[in-house]
PDB file of N, CA and C in Angstrom:
ATOM      1  N   MET A   1       4.393  -3.920 -13.693  1.00  0.00           N
ATOM      2  CA  MET A   1       5.301  -4.454 -12.761  1.00  0.00           C
ATOM      3  C   MET A   1       5.075  -4.234 -11.339  1.00  0.00           C
ATOM      4  N   GLY A   2       5.200  -5.175 -10.514  1.00  0.00           N
ATOM      5  CA  GLY A   2       5.049  -5.208  -9.163  1.00  0.00           C
ATOM      6  C   GLY A   2       6.292  -5.239  -8.541  1.00  0.00           C
ATOM      7  N   ILE A   3       6.447  -4.413  -7.592  1.00  0.00           N
ATOM      8  CA  ILE A   3       7.796  -4.416  -6.740  1.00  0.00           C
ATOM      9  C   ILE A   3       7.417  -4.380  -5.171  1.00  0.00           C
ATOM     10  N   TRP A   4       7.876  -5.298  -4.605  1.00  0.00           N
ATOM     11  CA  TRP A   4       7.919  -5.647  -3.190  1.00  0.00           C
ATOM     12  C   TRP A   4       9.015  -5.004  -2.570  1.00  0.00           C
ATOM     13  N   VAL A   5       8.736  -4.014  -1.655  1.00  0.00           N
ATOM     14  CA  VAL A   5       9.930  -3.215  -1.039  1.00  0.00           C
ATOM     15  C   VAL A   5       9.644  -3.375   0.464  1.00  0.00           C
ATOM     16  N   ASN A   6      10.504  -3.755   1.244  1.00  0.00           N
ATOM     17  CA  ASN A   6      10.428  -3.868   2.672  1.00  0.00           C
ATOM     18  C   ASN A   6      11.240  -2.644   3.368  1.00  0.00           C
ATOM     19  N   VAL A   7      10.377  -1.627   3.892  1.00  0.00           N
ATOM     20  CA  VAL A   7      11.073  -0.526   4.457  1.00  0.00           C
ATOM     21  C   VAL A   7      10.906  -0.710   6.111  1.00  0.00           C
ATOM     22  N   THR A   8      11.735   0.156   6.706  1.00  0.00           N
ATOM     23  CA  THR A   8      11.850   0.090   8.174  1.00  0.00           C
ATOM     24  C   THR A   8      11.120   1.132   8.776  1.00  0.00           C
ATOM     25  N   GLU A   9      10.611   2.098   8.042  1.00  0.00           N
ATOM     26  CA  GLU A   9       9.560   3.176   8.629  1.00  0.00           C
ATOM     27  C   GLU A   9       8.722   3.681   7.724  1.00  0.00           C
ATOM     28  N   ASP A  10       7.673   4.443   8.017  1.00  0.00           N
ATOM     29  CA  ASP A  10       6.690   4.916   6.957  1.00  0.00           C
ATOM     30  C   ASP A  10       7.431   5.698   5.959  1.00  0.00           C
ATOM     31  N   SER A  11       7.001   5.535   4.804  1.00  0.00           N
ATOM     32  CA  SER A  11       7.845   6.160   3.682  1.00  0.00           C
ATOM     33  C   SER A  11       6.822   6.430   2.492  1.00  0.00           C
ATOM     34  N   ASN A  12       7.165   7.464   1.648  1.00  0.00           N
ATOM     35  CA  ASN A  12       6.435   7.623   0.428  1.00  0.00           C
ATOM     36  C   ASN A  12       7.215   7.322  -0.772  1.00  0.00           C
ATOM     37  N   LEU A  13       6.617   6.803  -1.888  1.00  0.00           N
ATOM     38  CA  LEU A  13       7.345   6.421  -3.034  1.00  0.00           C
ATOM     39  C   LEU A  13       6.500   7.339  -4.105  1.00  0.00           C
ATOM     40  N   THR A  14       7.230   8.200  -4.833  1.00  0.00           N
ATOM     41  CA  THR A  14       6.501   8.950  -5.862  1.00  0.00           C
ATOM     42  C   THR A  14       6.873   8.419  -7.260  1.00  0.00           C
ATOM     43  N   VAL A  15       6.055   8.006  -8.089  1.00  0.00           N
ATOM     44  CA  VAL A  15       6.179   7.486  -9.313  1.00  0.00           C
ATOM     45  C   VAL A  15       5.605   8.565 -10.412  1.00  0.00           C
ATOM     46  N   ALA A  16       6.320   8.871 -11.314  1.00  0.00           N
ATOM     47  CA  ALA A  16       6.036   9.997 -12.372  1.00  0.00           C
ATOM     48  C   ALA A  16       6.069   9.557 -13.693  1.00  0.00           C
ATOM     49  N   GLY A  17       5.263   9.855 -14.653  1.00  0.00           N
ATOM     50  CA  GLY A  17       5.318   9.461 -16.074  1.00  0.00           C
ATOM     51  C   GLY A  17       3.915   9.569 -16.745  1.00  0.00           C
ATOM     52  N   VAL A  18       3.821   9.277 -17.877  1.00  0.00           N
ATOM     53  CA  VAL A  18       2.573   9.389 -18.698  1.00  0.00           C
ATOM     54  C   VAL A  18       1.687   8.068 -18.405  1.00  0.00           C
ATOM     55  N   VAL A  19       0.496   8.137 -18.208  1.00  0.00           N
ATOM     56  CA  VAL A  19      -0.366   6.963 -17.865  1.00  0.00           C
ATOM     57  C   VAL A  19      -0.721   6.560 -19.300  1.00  0.00           C
ATOM     58  N   PRO A  20      -0.562   5.259 -19.661  1.00  0.00           N
ATOM     59  CA  PRO A  20      -1.114   4.802 -21.000  1.00  0.00           C
ATOM     60  C   PRO A  20      -2.525   4.442 -20.863  1.00  0.00           C
ATOM     61  N   ALA A  21      -3.056   4.465 -22.147  1.00  0.00           N
ATOM     62  CA  ALA A  21      -4.463   4.148 -22.343  1.00  0.00           C
ATOM     63  C   ALA A  21      -4.792   2.723 -21.957  1.00  0.00           C
ATOM     64  N   GLN A  22      -3.843   1.864 -22.234  1.00  0.00           N
ATOM     65  CA  GLN A  22      -4.005   0.447 -21.879  1.00  0.00           C
ATOM     66  C   GLN A  22      -2.649  -0.109 -21.516  1.00  0.00           C
ATOM     67  N   THR A  23      -2.566  -1.171 -20.903  1.00  0.00           N
ATOM     68  CA  THR A  23      -1.309  -1.936 -20.568  1.00  0.00           C
ATOM     69  C   THR A  23      -1.546  -3.401 -20.764  1.00  0.00           C
ATOM     70  N   THR A  24      -0.567  -4.067 -21.371  1.00  0.00           N
ATOM     71  CA  THR A  24      -0.658  -5.531 -21.400  1.00  0.00           C
ATOM     72  C   THR A  24       0.517  -6.223 -20.692  1.00  0.00           C
ATOM     73  N   THR A  25       0.180  -6.951 -19.710  1.00  0.00           N
ATOM     74  CA  THR A  25       1.072  -7.643 -18.889  1.00  0.00           C
ATOM     75  C   THR A  25       1.123  -9.242 -19.123  1.00  0.00           C
ATOM     76  N   GLN A  26       2.275  -9.776 -19.496  1.00  0.00           N
ATOM     77  CA  GLN A  26       2.201 -11.177 -19.445  1.00  0.00           C
ATOM     78  C   GLN A  26       2.252 -11.854 -18.226  1.00  0.00           C
ATOM     79  N   LEU A  27       1.371 -12.961 -17.965  1.00  0.00           N
ATOM     80  CA  LEU A  27       1.373 -13.519 -16.730  1.00  0.00           C
ATOM     81  C   LEU A  27       1.774 -15.096 -17.143  1.00  0.00           C
ATOM     82  N   TYR A  28       2.416 -15.699 -16.198  1.00  0.00           N
ATOM     83  CA  TYR A  28       2.958 -17.157 -16.446  1.00  0.00           C
ATOM     84  C   TYR A  28       2.268 -17.877 -15.615  1.00  0.00           C
ATOM     85  N   GLY A  29       1.839 -19.078 -15.777  1.00  0.00           N
ATOM     86  CA  GLY A  29       1.155 -20.248 -14.989  1.00  0.00           C
ATOM     87  C   GLY A  29       2.019 -20.190 -13.722  1.00  0.00           C
ATOM     88  N   GLY A  30       1.204 -20.065 -12.616  1.00  0.00           N
ATOM     89  CA  GLY A  30       1.832 -20.077 -11.261  1.00  0.00           C
ATOM     90  C   GLY A  30       1.681 -18.528 -10.791  1.00  0.00           C
ATOM     91  N   TRP A  31       2.645 -18.216  -9.723  1.00  0.00           N
ATOM     92  CA  TRP A  31       2.466 -16.976  -9.014  1.00  0.00           C
ATOM     93  C   TRP A  31       3.066 -16.041  -9.808  1.00  0.00           C
ATOM     94  N   ASN A  32       2.434 -14.830  -9.944  1.00  0.00           N
ATOM     95  CA  ASN A  32       2.937 -13.640 -10.642  1.00  0.00           C
ATOM     96  C   ASN A  32       2.857 -12.251  -9.681  1.00  0.00           C
ATOM     97  N   LEU A  33       3.895 -11.468  -9.509  1.00  0.00           N
ATOM     98  CA  LEU A  33       3.729 -10.156  -8.728  1.00  0.00           C
ATOM     99  C   LEU A  33       3.438  -9.265  -9.770  1.00  0.00           C
ATOM    100  N   VAL A  34       2.123  -8.589  -9.857  1.00  0.00           N
ATOM    101  CA  VAL A  34       1.882  -7.611 -10.982  1.00  0.00           C
ATOM    102  C   VAL A  34       1.284  -6.311 -10.240  1.00  0.00           C
ATOM    103  N   GLY A  35       1.653  -5.157 -10.822  1.00  0.00           N
ATOM    104  CA  GLY A  35       1.060  -3.996 -10.364  1.00  0.00           C
ATOM    105  C   GLY A  35      -0.268  -3.849 -11.164  1.00  0.00           C
ATOM    106  N   PHE A  36      -1.191  -3.140 -10.523  1.00  0.00           N
ATOM    107  CA  PHE A  36      -2.556  -2.870 -11.068  1.00  0.00           C
ATOM    108  C   PHE A  36      -2.449  -1.654 -11.955  1.00  0.00           C
ATOM    109  N   PRO A  37      -2.247  -1.800 -13.226  1.00  0.00           N
ATOM    110  CA  PRO A  37      -1.846  -0.765 -14.215  1.00  0.00           C
ATOM    111  C   PRO A  37      -3.163   0.121 -14.644  1.00  0.00           C
ATOM    112  N   SER A  38      -4.259   0.440 -13.904  1.00  0.00           N
ATOM    113  CA  SER A  38      -5.363   1.200 -14.101  1.00  0.00           C
ATOM    114  C   SER A  38      -5.925   2.056 -13.107  1.00  0.00           C
ATOM    115  N   THR A  39      -6.620   3.095 -13.666  1.00  0.00           N
ATOM    116  CA  THR A  39      -7.146   3.923 -12.723  1.00  0.00           C
ATOM    117  C   THR A  39      -8.790   3.680 -12.609  1.00  0.00           C
ATOM    118  N   ASN A  40      -9.141   2.526 -13.138  1.00  0.00           N
ATOM    119  CA  ASN A  40     -10.583   1.919 -12.870  1.00  0.00           C
ATOM    120  C   ASN A  40     -10.741   1.751 -11.455  1.00  0.00           C
ATOM    121  N   ALA A  41     -11.643   2.595 -10.675  1.00  0.00           N
ATOM    122  CA  ALA A  41     -11.906   2.527  -9.281  1.00  0.00           C
ATOM    123  C   ALA A  41     -12.723   1.476  -8.912  1.00  0.00           C
ATOM    124  N   SER A  42     -13.338   0.814  -9.902  1.00  0.00           N
ATOM    125  CA  SER A  42     -14.411  -0.093  -9.512  1.00  0.00           C
ATOM    126  C   SER A  42     -14.015  -1.641  -9.757  1.00  0.00           C
ATOM    127  N   PHE A  43     -12.820  -1.864 -10.359  1.00  0.00           N
ATOM    128  CA  PHE A  43     -12.374  -3.139 -10.768  1.00  0.00           C
ATOM    129  C   PHE A  43     -12.008  -4.130  -9.550  1.00  0.00           C
ATOM    130  N   THR A  44     -12.785  -5.111  -9.376  1.00  0.00           N
ATOM    131  CA  THR A  44     -12.639  -6.093  -8.172  1.00  0.00           C
ATOM    132  C   THR A  44     -11.882  -7.205  -8.453  1.00  0.00           C
ATOM    133  N   ALA A  45     -11.470  -8.130  -7.442  1.00  0.00           N
ATOM    134  CA  ALA A  45     -10.873  -9.369  -7.775  1.00  0.00           C
ATOM    135  C   ALA A  45     -11.872 -10.225  -8.616  1.00  0.00           C
ATOM    136  N   ALA A  46     -13.067 -10.235  -8.387  1.00  0.00           N
ATOM    137  CA  ALA A  46     -14.060 -10.919  -9.199  1.00  0.00           C
ATOM    138  C   ALA A  46     -13.933 -10.574 -10.672  1.00  0.00           C
ATOM    139  N   ASP A  47     -13.638  -9.325 -11.025  1.00  0.00           N
ATOM    140  CA  ASP A  47     -13.434  -8.780 -12.426  1.00  0.00           C
ATOM    141  C   ASP A  47     -12.362  -9.598 -12.866  1.00  0.00           C
ATOM    142  N   LEU A  48     -11.232  -9.639 -12.167  1.00  0.00           N
ATOM    143  CA  LEU A  48     -10.005 -10.054 -12.453  1.00  0.00           C
ATOM    144  C   LEU A  48     -10.060 -11.610 -12.918  1.00  0.00           C
ATOM    145  N   LYS A  49     -10.803 -12.170 -11.986  1.00  0.00           N
ATOM    146  CA  LYS A  49     -11.097 -13.840 -12.338  1.00  0.00           C
ATOM    147  C   LYS A  49     -12.097 -14.090 -13.387  1.00  0.00           C
ATOM    148  N   ALA A  50     -12.805 -12.905 -13.819  1.00  0.00           N
ATOM    149  CA  ALA A  50     -13.591 -13.084 -15.144  1.00  0.00           C
ATOM    150  C   ALA A  50     -12.898 -13.033 -16.277  1.00  0.00           C
ATOM    151  N   VAL A  51     -11.740 -12.279 -16.379  1.00  0.00           N
ATOM    152  CA  VAL A  51     -11.039 -12.074 -17.639  1.00  0.00           C
ATOM    153  C   VAL A  51      -9.745 -12.892 -17.640  1.00  0.00           C
ATOM    154  N   LEU A  52      -9.254 -13.383 -16.469  1.00  0.00           N
ATOM    155  CA  LEU A  52      -8.084 -14.194 -16.454  1.00  0.00           C
ATOM    156  C   LEU A  52      -8.303 -15.496 -15.843  1.00  0.00           C
ATOM    157  N   PRO A  53      -7.447 -16.470 -16.197  1.00  0.00           N
ATOM    158  CA  PRO A  53      -7.614 -17.799 -15.396  1.00  0.00           C
ATOM    159  C   PRO A  53      -6.811 -17.749 -14.099  1.00  0.00           C
ATOM    160  N   VAL A  54      -7.422 -16.908 -13.176  1.00  0.00           N
ATOM    161  CA  VAL A  54      -6.919 -16.768 -11.756  1.00  0.00           C
ATOM    162  C   VAL A  54      -7.446 -17.570 -10.794  1.00  0.00           C
ATOM    163  N   GLU A  55      -6.609 -18.339 -10.044  1.00  0.00           N
ATOM    164  CA  GLU A  55      -7.125 -19.267  -8.937  1.00  0.00           C
ATOM    165  C   GLU A  55      -7.118 -18.474  -7.653  1.00  0.00           C
ATOM    166  N   ARG A  56      -6.166 -17.520  -7.407  1.00  0.00           N
ATOM    167  CA  ARG A  56      -6.099 -16.874  -6.068  1.00  0.00           C
ATOM    168  C   ARG A  56      -5.357 -15.415  -6.331  1.00  0.00           C
ATOM    169  N   ALA A  57      -5.810 -14.463  -5.684  1.00  0.00           N
ATOM    170  CA  ALA A  57      -5.078 -13.131  -5.652  1.00  0.00           C
ATOM    171  C   ALA A  57      -4.916 -12.851  -4.177  1.00  0.00           C
ATOM    172  N   GLU A  58      -3.736 -12.180  -3.983  1.00  0.00           N
ATOM    173  CA  GLU A  58      -3.341 -11.764  -2.568  1.00  0.00           C
ATOM    174  C   GLU A  58      -2.799 -10.367  -2.703  1.00  0.00           C
ATOM    175  N   ASP A  59      -2.946  -9.622  -1.557  1.00  0.00           N
ATOM    176  CA  ASP A  59      -2.689  -8.229  -1.387  1.00  0.00           C
ATOM    177  C   ASP A  59      -1.692  -8.100   0.017  1.00  0.00           C
ATOM    178  N   PHE A  60      -1.013  -7.006   0.040  1.00  0.00           N
ATOM    179  CA  PHE A  60      -0.218  -6.808   1.100  1.00  0.00           C
ATOM    180  C   PHE A  60      -1.164  -6.664   2.391  1.00  0.00           C
ATOM    181  N   ASP A  61      -0.648  -7.076   3.433  1.00  0.00           N
ATOM    182  CA  ASP A  61      -1.328  -7.072   4.824  1.00  0.00           C
ATOM    183  C   ASP A  61      -0.180  -6.732   5.777  1.00  0.00           C
ATOM    184  N   PRO A  62      -0.320  -5.782   6.693  1.00  0.00           N
ATOM    185  CA  PRO A  62       0.624  -5.404   7.585  1.00  0.00           C
ATOM    186  C   PRO A  62       1.032  -6.421   8.592  1.00  0.00           C
ATOM    187  N   ALA A  63       0.239  -7.553   8.684  1.00  0.00           N
ATOM    188  CA  ALA A  63       0.332  -8.522   9.790  1.00  0.00           C
ATOM    189  C   ALA A  63       1.332  -9.607   9.436  1.00  0.00           C
ATOM    190  N   PRO A  64       2.284  -9.774  10.323  1.00  0.00           N
ATOM    191  CA  PRO A  64       3.286 -10.894   9.835  1.00  0.00           C
ATOM    192  C   PRO A  64       2.583 -12.236  10.223  1.00  0.00           C
ATOM    193  N   PRO A  65       2.973 -13.325   9.711  1.00  0.00           N
ATOM    194  CA  PRO A  65       4.538 -13.539   9.324  1.00  0.00           C
ATOM    195  C   PRO A  65       4.678 -13.248   7.830  1.00  0.00           C
ATOM    196  N   ASN A  66       3.558 -13.464   6.900  1.00  0.00           N
ATOM    197  CA  ASN A  66       3.675 -13.393   5.704  1.00  0.00           C
ATOM    198  C   ASN A  66       3.429 -12.090   4.867  1.00  0.00           C
ATOM    199  N   PHE A  67       2.788 -11.318   5.562  1.00  0.00           N
ATOM    200  CA  PHE A  67       2.255  -9.819   5.128  1.00  0.00           C
ATOM    201  C   PHE A  67       1.388  -9.912   3.858  1.00  0.00           C
ATOM    202  N   LEU A  68       0.549 -10.963   3.755  1.00  0.00           N
ATOM    203  CA  LEU A  68      -0.204 -11.179   2.759  1.00  0.00           C
ATOM    204  C   LEU A  68      -1.871 -11.535   3.249  1.00  0.00           C
ATOM    205  N   ARG A  69      -2.737 -11.052   2.413  1.00  0.00           N
ATOM    206  CA  ARG A  69      -4.130 -11.484   2.699  1.00  0.00           C
ATOM    207  C   ARG A  69      -4.698 -11.945   1.397  1.00  0.00           C
ATOM    208  N   VAL A  70      -5.593 -13.061   1.415  1.00  0.00           N
ATOM    209  CA  VAL A  70      -6.282 -13.317   0.191  1.00  0.00           C
ATOM    210  C   VAL A  70      -7.406 -12.314  -0.145  1.00  0.00           C
ATOM    211  N   LEU A  71      -7.614 -12.070  -1.341  1.00  0.00           N
ATOM    212  CA  LEU A  71      -8.544 -11.165  -1.736  1.00  0.00           C
ATOM    213  C   LEU A  71      -9.827 -11.786  -1.926  1.00  0.00           C
ATOM    214  N   SER A  72     -10.909 -11.218  -1.345  1.00  0.00           N
ATOM    215  CA  SER A  72     -12.248 -11.724  -1.641  1.00  0.00           C
ATOM    216  C   SER A  72     -12.740 -11.065  -2.935  1.00  0.00           C
ATOM    217  N   ASP A  73     -13.755 -11.766  -3.405  1.00  0.00           N
ATOM    218  CA  ASP A  73     -14.259 -11.369  -4.837  1.00  0.00           C
ATOM    219  C   ASP A  73     -14.664  -9.808  -4.762  1.00  0.00           C
ATOM    220  N   SER A  74     -15.075  -9.244  -3.752  1.00  0.00           N
ATOM    221  CA  SER A  74     -15.497  -7.882  -3.712  1.00  0.00           C
ATOM    222  C   SER A  74     -14.443  -6.910  -3.363  1.00  0.00           C
ATOM    223  N   ASP A  75     -13.433  -7.396  -3.112  1.00  0.00           N
ATOM    224  CA  ASP A  75     -12.100  -6.358  -2.834  1.00  0.00           C
ATOM    225  C   ASP A  75     -11.634  -5.746  -4.196  1.00  0.00           C
ATOM    226  N   LEU A  76     -11.464  -4.435  -3.906  1.00  0.00           N
ATOM    227  CA  LEU A  76     -11.228  -3.541  -5.152  1.00  0.00           C
ATOM    228  C   LEU A  76      -9.696  -3.764  -5.382  1.00  0.00           C
ATOM    229  N   LEU A  77      -9.195  -3.686  -6.675  1.00  0.00           N
ATOM    230  CA  LEU A  77      -7.851  -3.524  -7.061  1.00  0.00           C
ATOM    231  C   LEU A  77      -7.570  -2.079  -7.387  1.00  0.00           C
ATOM    232  N   LEU A  78      -6.481  -1.560  -6.660  1.00  0.00           N
ATOM    233  CA  LEU A  78      -6.087  -0.128  -6.662  1.00  0.00           C
ATOM    234  C   LEU A  78      -4.914   0.197  -7.449  1.00  0.00           C
ATOM    235  N   ALA A  79      -4.961   1.375  -8.097  1.00  0.00           N
ATOM    236  CA  ALA A  79      -3.924   1.890  -8.995  1.00  0.00           C
ATOM    237  C   ALA A  79      -2.659   2.033  -7.968  1.00  0.00           C
ATOM    238  N   GLY A  80      -1.632   1.691  -8.626  1.00  0.00           N
ATOM    239  CA  GLY A  80      -0.347   1.715  -7.745  1.00  0.00           C
ATOM    240  C   GLY A  80      -0.080   0.620  -6.836  1.00  0.00           C
ATOM    241  N   ARG A  81      -0.935  -0.257  -6.630  1.00  0.00           N
ATOM    242  CA  ARG A  81      -0.651  -1.349  -5.696  1.00  0.00           C
ATOM    243  C   ARG A  81      -0.211  -2.395  -6.490  1.00  0.00           C
ATOM    244  N   ALA A  82       0.439  -3.420  -5.749  1.00  0.00           N
ATOM    245  CA  ALA A  82       0.907  -4.750  -6.403  1.00  0.00           C
ATOM    246  C   ALA A  82       0.208  -5.829  -5.736  1.00  0.00           C
ATOM    247  N   TYR A  83      -0.045  -6.884  -6.502  1.00  0.00           N
ATOM    248  CA  TYR A  83      -0.751  -8.107  -6.085  1.00  0.00           C
ATOM    249  C   TYR A  83      -0.056  -9.287  -6.575  1.00  0.00           C
ATOM    250  N   TRP A  84      -0.189 -10.268  -5.643  1.00  0.00           N
ATOM    251  CA  TRP A  84       0.313 -11.687  -6.222  1.00  0.00           C
ATOM    252  C   TRP A  84      -0.898 -12.407  -6.798  1.00  0.00           C
ATOM    253  N   VAL A  85      -0.723 -12.727  -7.912  1.00  0.00           N
ATOM    254  CA  VAL A  85      -1.846 -13.470  -8.846  1.00  0.00           C
ATOM    255  C   VAL A  85      -1.263 -14.970  -9.097  1.00  0.00           C
ATOM    256  N   ARG A  86      -2.154 -15.877  -8.796  1.00  0.00           N
ATOM    257  CA  ARG A  86      -1.919 -17.194  -9.289  1.00  0.00           C
ATOM    258  C   ARG A  86      -2.630 -17.633 -10.449  1.00  0.00           C
ATOM    259  N   THR A  87      -2.059 -17.918 -11.597  1.00  0.00           N
ATOM    260  CA  THR A  87      -2.934 -18.290 -12.858  1.00  0.00           C
ATOM    261  C   THR A  87      -2.709 -19.681 -12.999  1.00  0.00           C
ATOM    262  N   THR A  88      -3.615 -20.356 -13.742  1.00  0.00           N
ATOM    263  CA  THR A  88      -3.468 -21.749 -14.115  1.00  0.00           C
ATOM    264  C   THR A  88      -2.880 -21.989 -15.530  1.00  0.00           C
ATOM    265  N   GLU A  89      -2.367 -20.927 -16.099  1.00  0.00           N
ATOM    266  CA  GLU A  89      -1.792 -21.008 -17.386  1.00  0.00           C
ATOM    267  C   GLU A  89      -1.098 -19.703 -17.713  1.00  0.00           C
ATOM    268  N   ASP A  90      -0.318 -19.756 -18.688  1.00  0.00           N
ATOM    269  CA  ASP A  90       0.290 -18.430 -19.303  1.00  0.00           C
ATOM    270  C   ASP A  90      -0.739 -17.693 -20.001  1.00  0.00           C
ATOM    271  N   THR A  91      -0.657 -16.518 -19.840  1.00  0.00           N
ATOM    272  CA  THR A  91      -1.804 -15.530 -20.432  1.00  0.00           C
ATOM    273  C   THR A  91      -1.308 -14.093 -20.523  1.00  0.00           C
ATOM    274  N   PHE A  92      -2.138 -13.390 -21.131  1.00  0.00           N
ATOM    275  CA  PHE A  92      -1.906 -11.846 -21.272  1.00  0.00           C
ATOM    276  C   PHE A  92      -3.035 -11.172 -20.537  1.00  0.00           C
ATOM    277  N   TRP A  93      -2.592 -10.151 -19.823  1.00  0.00           N
ATOM    278  CA  TRP A  93      -3.682  -9.350 -19.023  1.00  0.00           C
ATOM    279  C   TRP A  93      -3.644  -7.982 -19.713  1.00  0.00           C
ATOM    280  N   LEU A  94      -4.720  -7.457 -20.550  1.00  0.00           N
ATOM    281  CA  LEU A  94      -4.960  -6.300 -21.215  1.00  0.00           C
ATOM    282  C   LEU A  94      -5.835  -5.409 -20.213  1.00  0.00           C
ATOM    283  N   ALA A  95      -5.209  -4.629 -19.509  1.00  0.00           N
ATOM    284  CA  ALA A  95      -5.975  -3.513 -18.531  1.00  0.00           C
ATOM    285  C   ALA A  95      -6.105  -2.081 -19.184  1.00  0.00           C
ATOM    286  N   SER A  96      -7.215  -1.616 -19.035  1.00  0.00           N
ATOM    287  CA  SER A  96      -7.550  -0.322 -19.655  1.00  0.00           C
ATOM    288  C   SER A  96      -7.784   0.775 -18.714  1.00  0.00           C
ATOM    289  N   ASN A  97      -7.392   1.959 -19.048  1.00  0.00           N
ATOM    290  CA  ASN A  97      -7.763   3.091 -17.961  1.00  0.00           C
ATOM    291  C   ASN A  97      -8.886   3.827 -18.472  1.00  0.00           C
ATOM    292  N   THR A  98      -9.825   3.229 -19.161  1.00  0.00           N
ATOM    293  CA  THR A  98     -11.121   3.799 -19.535  1.00  0.00           C
ATOM    294  C   THR A  98     -12.112   3.540 -18.695  1.00  0.00           C
TER     295      THR A  98
END
């Protein structure tokens, strides 16, 4: 799950729970806001495009007006971050924590 929160000052959000071995996320053709459900520290936008029909992926950017930036293929996806992902068709994303 990806959650977009607009805060008015620096803040911390603590999330607690059990980390699953793998997570399946349903994506629909078009734009999807998804969390990166993995602790894989070397997973890139290119890796995402290799396993899913992704046309474009975007990340938070503190610069207005849209607060978004397009990910390059070498950008890492980070645990606990949310990403806008545009897919060409409905699909399922199986992300592993191994």
